[in-house]
């Protein structure tokens, strides 16, 4: 396994192990993070542990035209009970993603160090958020990294039923209008699959990230 030091370098993603781990160590400097995402790599580690850099194969993605919106979800959207904004309160969204309780998880992988790093990327226009409001209260949202043709989703939260789905659907509709190619969802989970996400080979994913398709 490659150990990251001070140099801004990652090995080819093909050198990832079976789990998808490519490298260990380094820091969350904005320049390193930007290089990682442009290279199809993302950090994912527990607080207090060394930084792990991942490039899994297969990769969970959403091709934007494959979004699944259930009939019940369409009814919720038509009621206009939520207001959606884009990139209006990034810090609040990532903080909520850190603090929200999740089934089957005792803690969070979003450390304070990670929040600081991604807020710096937000200031640079690289990290962006979607906010969902109900009665002027922030009740859901998501954040990720915007590569210009691919949006790399990182985490989402919901304080009321369906709020994170509203954020996800709003993001996909926005990306479609802007002719993005893909929403990167990183690794499989059944909730994402229910929204139309599916796994593709890392080689195909890298061709899209590198703008070869």
C-alpha atoms as a PDB file:
ATOM      1  CA  UNK A   1       0.000   0.000   0.000  1.00  0.00           C
ATOM      2  CA  UNK A   2       1.226   3.469  -0.855  1.00  0.00           C
ATOM      3  CA  UNK A   3       1.944   5.782   2.076  1.00  0.00           C
ATOM      4  CA  UNK A   4       1.160   9.454   1.468  1.00  0.00           C
ATOM      5  CA  UNK A   5       3.793  11.907   2.644  1.00  0.00           C
ATOM      6  CA  UNK A   6       4.163  15.602   1.847  1.00  0.00           C
ATOM      7  CA  UNK A   7       4.217  15.235  -1.925  1.00  0.00           C
ATOM      8  CA  UNK A   8       1.013  15.827  -3.885  1.00  0.00           C
ATOM      9  CA  UNK A   9       0.906  12.445  -5.558  1.00  0.00           C
ATOM     10  CA  UNK A  10      -1.319   9.380  -5.691  1.00  0.00           C
ATOM     11  CA  UNK A  11      -0.511   6.081  -7.383  1.00  0.00           C
ATOM     12  CA  UNK A  12      -2.728   4.792 -10.209  1.00  0.00           C
ATOM     13  CA  UNK A  13      -6.153   3.733  -8.944  1.00  0.00           C
ATOM     14  CA  UNK A  14      -5.527   0.279 -10.394  1.00  0.00           C
ATOM     15  CA  UNK A  15      -3.183  -0.294  -7.434  1.00  0.00           C
ATOM     16  CA  UNK A  16      -6.084  -0.216  -4.929  1.00  0.00           C
ATOM     17  CA  UNK A  17      -6.526  -3.369  -2.862  1.00  0.00           C
ATOM     18  CA  UNK A  18      -9.621  -5.583  -3.017  1.00  0.00           C
ATOM     19  CA  UNK A  19     -11.493  -3.339  -0.582  1.00  0.00           C
ATOM     20  CA  UNK A  20     -10.719  -0.269  -2.655  1.00  0.00           C
ATOM     21  CA  UNK A  21      -8.044   1.264  -0.409  1.00  0.00           C
ATOM     22  CA  UNK A  22      -5.325   2.927  -2.469  1.00  0.00           C
ATOM     23  CA  UNK A  23      -3.197   4.841   0.026  1.00  0.00           C
ATOM     24  CA  UNK A  24      -2.841   5.774   3.686  1.00  0.00           C
ATOM     25  CA  UNK A  25      -1.672   8.905   5.486  1.00  0.00           C
ATOM     26  CA  UNK A  26      -1.105  12.470   4.365  1.00  0.00           C
ATOM     27  CA  UNK A  27      -3.451  15.302   5.225  1.00  0.00           C
ATOM     28  CA  UNK A  28      -6.668  16.981   4.105  1.00  0.00           C
ATOM     29  CA  UNK A  29      -4.992  19.956   2.476  1.00  0.00           C
ATOM     30  CA  UNK A  30      -7.355  21.468  -0.139  1.00  0.00           C
ATOM     31  CA  UNK A  31      -4.855  20.896  -2.950  1.00  0.00           C
ATOM     32  CA  UNK A  32      -4.506  17.223  -2.004  1.00  0.00           C
ATOM     33  CA  UNK A  33      -8.284  16.816  -1.831  1.00  0.00           C
ATOM     34  CA  UNK A  34      -8.760  18.422  -5.251  1.00  0.00           C
ATOM     35  CA  UNK A  35      -6.123  16.140  -6.750  1.00  0.00           C
ATOM     36  CA  UNK A  36      -7.784  13.127  -5.134  1.00  0.00           C
ATOM     37  CA  UNK A  37     -11.268  13.791  -6.493  1.00  0.00           C
ATOM     38  CA  UNK A  38      -9.960  14.638  -9.963  1.00  0.00           C
ATOM     39  CA  UNK A  39      -8.146  11.286  -9.845  1.00  0.00           C
ATOM     40  CA  UNK A  40     -11.216   9.265  -8.816  1.00  0.00           C
ATOM     41  CA  UNK A  41     -10.091   9.004  -5.178  1.00  0.00           C
ATOM     42  CA  UNK A  42     -11.800  10.050  -1.937  1.00  0.00           C
ATOM     43  CA  UNK A  43     -10.897  10.022   1.798  1.00  0.00           C
ATOM     44  CA  UNK A  44     -12.892   7.852   4.201  1.00  0.00           C
ATOM     45  CA  UNK A  45     -11.658   6.993   7.677  1.00  0.00           C
ATOM     46  CA  UNK A  46     -12.645   6.987  11.330  1.00  0.00           C
ATOM     47  CA  UNK A  47     -11.719   9.910  13.555  1.00  0.00           C
ATOM     48  CA  UNK A  48      -8.361   9.307  15.235  1.00  0.00           C
ATOM     49  CA  UNK A  49      -7.209   6.867  12.547  1.00  0.00           C
ATOM     50  CA  UNK A  50      -4.813   7.588   9.674  1.00  0.00           C
ATOM     51  CA  UNK A  51      -6.457   8.963   6.536  1.00  0.00           C
ATOM     52  CA  UNK A  52      -7.463   6.219   4.122  1.00  0.00           C
ATOM     53  CA  UNK A  53      -7.752   7.073   0.411  1.00  0.00           C
ATOM     54  CA  UNK A  54     -10.222   4.969  -1.579  1.00  0.00           C
ATOM     55  CA  UNK A  55     -10.939   4.130  -5.198  1.00  0.00           C
ATOM     56  CA  UNK A  56     -13.318   1.148  -5.091  1.00  0.00           C
ATOM     57  CA  UNK A  57     -14.105  -1.191  -7.963  1.00  0.00           C
ATOM     58  CA  UNK A  58     -16.977  -1.300  -8.756  1.00  0.00           C
ATOM     59  CA  UNK A  59     -18.114   2.290  -8.203  1.00  0.00           C
ATOM     60  CA  UNK A  60     -21.659   3.316  -7.250  1.00  0.00           C
ATOM     61  CA  UNK A  61     -22.957   6.063  -9.547  1.00  0.00           C
ATOM     62  CA  UNK A  62     -26.112   7.617 -10.880  1.00  0.00           C
ATOM     63  CA  UNK A  63     -26.494   8.295 -14.571  1.00  0.00           C
ATOM     64  CA  UNK A  64     -28.795  11.277 -14.322  1.00  0.00           C
ATOM     65  CA  UNK A  65     -31.464   9.993 -16.698  1.00  0.00           C
ATOM     66  CA  UNK A  66     -31.823   6.869 -14.547  1.00  0.00           C
ATOM     67  CA  UNK A  67     -33.116   8.676 -11.453  1.00  0.00           C
ATOM     68  CA  UNK A  68     -36.093   6.861  -9.918  1.00  0.00           C
ATOM     69  CA  UNK A  69     -38.761   9.038  -8.302  1.00  0.00           C
ATOM     70  CA  UNK A  70     -41.576   7.013  -6.785  1.00  0.00           C
ATOM     71  CA  UNK A  71     -45.218   8.027  -7.131  1.00  0.00           C
ATOM     72  CA  UNK A  72     -45.408   8.822  -3.416  1.00  0.00           C
ATOM     73  CA  UNK A  73     -42.293  10.978  -3.707  1.00  0.00           C
ATOM     74  CA  UNK A  74     -43.767  12.836  -6.664  1.00  0.00           C
ATOM     75  CA  UNK A  75     -46.826  13.593  -4.552  1.00  0.00           C
ATOM     76  CA  UNK A  76     -44.605  14.994  -1.803  1.00  0.00           C
ATOM     77  CA  UNK A  77     -42.744  17.199  -4.276  1.00  0.00           C
ATOM     78  CA  UNK A  78     -46.010  18.450  -5.768  1.00  0.00           C
ATOM     79  CA  UNK A  79     -47.215  19.607  -2.349  1.00  0.00           C
ATOM     80  CA  UNK A  80     -44.338  22.113  -2.199  1.00  0.00           C
ATOM     81  CA  UNK A  81     -43.923  21.568   1.522  1.00  0.00           C
ATOM     82  CA  UNK A  82     -40.156  21.983   1.208  1.00  0.00           C
ATOM     83  CA  UNK A  83     -38.001  24.827  -0.089  1.00  0.00           C
ATOM     84  CA  UNK A  84     -34.685  23.918  -1.730  1.00  0.00           C
ATOM     85  CA  UNK A  85     -31.633  26.177  -1.979  1.00  0.00           C
ATOM     86  CA  UNK A  86     -28.177  25.587  -3.405  1.00  0.00           C
ATOM     87  CA  UNK A  87     -24.948  26.405  -1.601  1.00  0.00           C
ATOM     88  CA  UNK A  88     -26.539  28.849   0.839  1.00  0.00           C
ATOM     89  CA  UNK A  89     -25.331  27.308   4.132  1.00  0.00           C
ATOM     90  CA  UNK A  90     -22.607  24.760   3.495  1.00  0.00           C
ATOM     91  CA  UNK A  91     -21.288  24.818   7.066  1.00  0.00           C
ATOM     92  CA  UNK A  92     -24.706  23.987   8.510  1.00  0.00           C
ATOM     93  CA  UNK A  93     -25.208  21.106   6.072  1.00  0.00           C
ATOM     94  CA  UNK A  94     -21.867  19.422   6.747  1.00  0.00           C
ATOM     95  CA  UNK A  95     -22.292  19.930  10.502  1.00  0.00           C
ATOM     96  CA  UNK A  96     -25.700  18.270  10.383  1.00  0.00           C
ATOM     97  CA  UNK A  97     -24.246  15.392   8.356  1.00  0.00           C
ATOM     98  CA  UNK A  98     -21.677  14.974  11.123  1.00  0.00           C
ATOM     99  CA  UNK A  99     -24.162  15.040  13.988  1.00  0.00           C
ATOM    100  CA  UNK A 100     -27.188  13.182  12.625  1.00  0.00           C
ATOM    101  CA  UNK A 101     -27.769   9.743  14.138  1.00  0.00           C
ATOM    102  CA  UNK A 102     -27.710   6.905  11.609  1.00  0.00           C
ATOM    103  CA  UNK A 103     -29.040   3.389  12.007  1.00  0.00           C
ATOM    104  CA  UNK A 104     -26.293   0.866  12.650  1.00  0.00           C
ATOM    105  CA  UNK A 105     -23.592   3.486  13.242  1.00  0.00           C
ATOM    106  CA  UNK A 106     -22.171   4.447  16.624  1.00  0.00           C
ATOM    107  CA  UNK A 107     -20.329   7.512  15.378  1.00  0.00           C
ATOM    108  CA  UNK A 108     -19.397   9.475  12.291  1.00  0.00           C
ATOM    109  CA  UNK A 109     -16.507   9.537   9.858  1.00  0.00           C
ATOM    110  CA  UNK A 110     -16.942  13.315   9.401  1.00  0.00           C
ATOM    111  CA  UNK A 111     -14.351  14.688  11.817  1.00  0.00           C
ATOM    112  CA  UNK A 112     -13.874  18.342  12.732  1.00  0.00           C
ATOM    113  CA  UNK A 113     -10.699  18.251  10.645  1.00  0.00           C
ATOM    114  CA  UNK A 114     -12.729  17.111   7.670  1.00  0.00           C
ATOM    115  CA  UNK A 115     -15.323  19.845   8.213  1.00  0.00           C
ATOM    116  CA  UNK A 116     -12.577  22.487   8.235  1.00  0.00           C
ATOM    117  CA  UNK A 117     -11.064  21.071   5.036  1.00  0.00           C
ATOM    118  CA  UNK A 118     -14.330  20.903   3.109  1.00  0.00           C
ATOM    119  CA  UNK A 119     -15.388  24.368   4.264  1.00  0.00           C
ATOM    120  CA  UNK A 120     -12.140  25.657   2.735  1.00  0.00           C
ATOM    121  CA  UNK A 121     -13.055  23.879  -0.507  1.00  0.00           C
ATOM    122  CA  UNK A 122     -16.489  25.490  -0.311  1.00  0.00           C
ATOM    123  CA  UNK A 123     -14.844  28.901  -0.082  1.00  0.00           C
ATOM    124  CA  UNK A 124     -12.984  28.014  -3.281  1.00  0.00           C
ATOM    125  CA  UNK A 125     -16.226  27.006  -5.019  1.00  0.00           C
ATOM    126  CA  UNK A 126     -15.249  23.329  -5.173  1.00  0.00           C
ATOM    127  CA  UNK A 127     -17.378  21.839  -2.380  1.00  0.00           C
ATOM    128  CA  UNK A 128     -21.086  22.647  -2.628  1.00  0.00           C
ATOM    129  CA  UNK A 129     -24.284  21.943  -0.730  1.00  0.00           C
ATOM    130  CA  UNK A 130     -28.008  21.547  -1.222  1.00  0.00           C
ATOM    131  CA  UNK A 131     -30.287  22.727   1.586  1.00  0.00           C
ATOM    132  CA  UNK A 132     -33.875  21.658   2.257  1.00  0.00           C
ATOM    133  CA  UNK A 133     -36.041  23.932   4.394  1.00  0.00           C
ATOM    134  CA  UNK A 134     -39.426  23.532   6.044  1.00  0.00           C
ATOM    135  CA  UNK A 135     -41.005  26.563   7.690  1.00  0.00           C
ATOM    136  CA  UNK A 136     -37.616  28.340   7.438  1.00  0.00           C
ATOM    137  CA  UNK A 137     -35.900  25.520   9.365  1.00  0.00           C
ATOM    138  CA  UNK A 138     -33.073  23.482   7.807  1.00  0.00           C
ATOM    139  CA  UNK A 139     -34.415  19.912   7.800  1.00  0.00           C
ATOM    140  CA  UNK A 140     -32.275  18.153   5.219  1.00  0.00           C
ATOM    141  CA  UNK A 141     -29.453  18.487   2.751  1.00  0.00           C
ATOM    142  CA  UNK A 142     -26.342  17.064   1.182  1.00  0.00           C
ATOM    143  CA  UNK A 143     -22.864  18.144   0.144  1.00  0.00           C
ATOM    144  CA  UNK A 144     -20.159  17.035  -2.240  1.00  0.00           C
ATOM    145  CA  UNK A 145     -17.386  18.017  -4.618  1.00  0.00           C
ATOM    146  CA  UNK A 146     -18.171  19.690  -7.937  1.00  0.00           C
ATOM    147  CA  UNK A 147     -15.773  18.727 -10.729  1.00  0.00           C
ATOM    148  CA  UNK A 148     -17.690  20.636 -13.395  1.00  0.00           C
ATOM    149  CA  UNK A 149     -18.895  17.550 -15.283  1.00  0.00           C
ATOM    150  CA  UNK A 150     -19.246  15.119 -12.367  1.00  0.00           C
ATOM    151  CA  UNK A 151     -20.611  15.819  -8.889  1.00  0.00           C
ATOM    152  CA  UNK A 152     -19.082  13.631  -6.170  1.00  0.00           C
ATOM    153  CA  UNK A 153     -21.649  13.177  -3.428  1.00  0.00           C
ATOM    154  CA  UNK A 154     -20.235  12.879   0.073  1.00  0.00           C
ATOM    155  CA  UNK A 155     -23.014  12.746   2.666  1.00  0.00           C
ATOM    156  CA  UNK A 156     -26.628  13.750   3.285  1.00  0.00           C
ATOM    157  CA  UNK A 157     -28.901  14.165   6.277  1.00  0.00           C
ATOM    158  CA  UNK A 158     -32.595  14.321   7.035  1.00  0.00           C
ATOM    159  CA  UNK A 159     -34.369  15.589  10.163  1.00  0.00           C
ATOM    160  CA  UNK A 160     -37.841  14.957   8.772  1.00  0.00           C
ATOM    161  CA  UNK A 161     -39.068  12.183   6.526  1.00  0.00           C
ATOM    162  CA  UNK A 162     -37.989  12.436   2.860  1.00  0.00           C
ATOM    163  CA  UNK A 163     -35.969  15.663   3.248  1.00  0.00           C
ATOM    164  CA  UNK A 164     -32.706  14.070   2.055  1.00  0.00           C
ATOM    165  CA  UNK A 165     -34.525  12.551  -0.939  1.00  0.00           C
ATOM    166  CA  UNK A 166     -35.808  16.015  -1.833  1.00  0.00           C
ATOM    167  CA  UNK A 167     -32.221  17.296  -1.750  1.00  0.00           C
ATOM    168  CA  UNK A 168     -30.995  14.386  -3.876  1.00  0.00           C
ATOM    169  CA  UNK A 169     -33.703  14.809  -6.506  1.00  0.00           C
ATOM    170  CA  UNK A 170     -33.182  18.580  -6.642  1.00  0.00           C
ATOM    171  CA  UNK A 171     -29.451  18.073  -7.151  1.00  0.00           C
ATOM    172  CA  UNK A 172     -29.979  15.555  -9.954  1.00  0.00           C
ATOM    173  CA  UNK A 173     -32.413  17.872 -11.746  1.00  0.00           C
ATOM    174  CA  UNK A 174     -29.923  20.725 -11.432  1.00  0.00           C
ATOM    175  CA  UNK A 175     -27.057  18.602 -12.774  1.00  0.00           C
ATOM    176  CA  UNK A 176     -29.184  17.489 -15.732  1.00  0.00           C
ATOM    177  CA  UNK A 177     -29.906  21.105 -16.667  1.00  0.00           C
ATOM    178  CA  UNK A 178     -26.182  21.853 -16.530  1.00  0.00           C
ATOM    179  CA  UNK A 179     -25.318  18.805 -18.684  1.00  0.00           C
ATOM    180  CA  UNK A 180     -23.300  16.965 -16.060  1.00  0.00           C
ATOM    181  CA  UNK A 181     -22.409  13.400 -16.944  1.00  0.00           C
ATOM    182  CA  UNK A 182     -22.670  11.658 -13.613  1.00  0.00           C
ATOM    183  CA  UNK A 183     -23.373  11.781  -9.897  1.00  0.00           C
ATOM    184  CA  UNK A 184     -20.706   9.799  -8.053  1.00  0.00           C
ATOM    185  CA  UNK A 185     -22.114   7.958  -5.016  1.00  0.00           C
ATOM    186  CA  UNK A 186     -18.886   6.066  -4.203  1.00  0.00           C
ATOM    187  CA  UNK A 187     -20.025   2.766  -2.652  1.00  0.00           C
ATOM    188  CA  UNK A 188     -23.155   0.634  -2.789  1.00  0.00           C
ATOM    189  CA  UNK A 189     -26.063   0.946  -0.404  1.00  0.00           C
ATOM    190  CA  UNK A 190     -29.673  -0.158  -0.950  1.00  0.00           C
ATOM    191  CA  UNK A 191     -31.119   3.327  -0.390  1.00  0.00           C
ATOM    192  CA  UNK A 192     -29.074   4.695  -3.277  1.00  0.00           C
ATOM    193  CA  UNK A 193     -30.053   1.730  -5.428  1.00  0.00           C
ATOM    194  CA  UNK A 194     -33.731   2.542  -4.814  1.00  0.00           C
ATOM    195  CA  UNK A 195     -33.082   5.986  -6.327  1.00  0.00           C
ATOM    196  CA  UNK A 196     -31.628   4.524  -9.516  1.00  0.00           C
ATOM    197  CA  UNK A 197     -27.932   4.334  -8.662  1.00  0.00           C
ATOM    198  CA  UNK A 198     -25.941   1.346  -9.862  1.00  0.00           C
ATOM    199  CA  UNK A 199     -22.422  -0.011  -9.836  1.00  0.00           C
ATOM    200  CA  UNK A 200     -20.081   0.331 -12.802  1.00  0.00           C
ATOM    201  CA  UNK A 201     -16.511  -0.816 -13.388  1.00  0.00           C
ATOM    202  CA  UNK A 202     -13.864   1.546 -12.085  1.00  0.00           C
ATOM    203  CA  UNK A 203     -12.353   1.712 -15.569  1.00  0.00           C
ATOM    204  CA  UNK A 204     -15.603   3.093 -16.978  1.00  0.00           C
ATOM    205  CA  UNK A 205     -15.881   5.526 -14.062  1.00  0.00           C
ATOM    206  CA  UNK A 206     -12.334   6.788 -14.633  1.00  0.00           C
ATOM    207  CA  UNK A 207     -13.025   7.368 -18.326  1.00  0.00           C
ATOM    208  CA  UNK A 208     -15.901   9.653 -17.319  1.00  0.00           C
ATOM    209  CA  UNK A 209     -13.907  11.426 -14.575  1.00  0.00           C
ATOM    210  CA  UNK A 210     -11.069  12.013 -17.039  1.00  0.00           C
ATOM    211  CA  UNK A 211     -13.611  13.319 -19.567  1.00  0.00           C
ATOM    212  CA  UNK A 212     -12.808  10.648 -22.129  1.00  0.00           C
ATOM    213  CA  UNK A 213     -16.486   9.759 -22.683  1.00  0.00           C
END
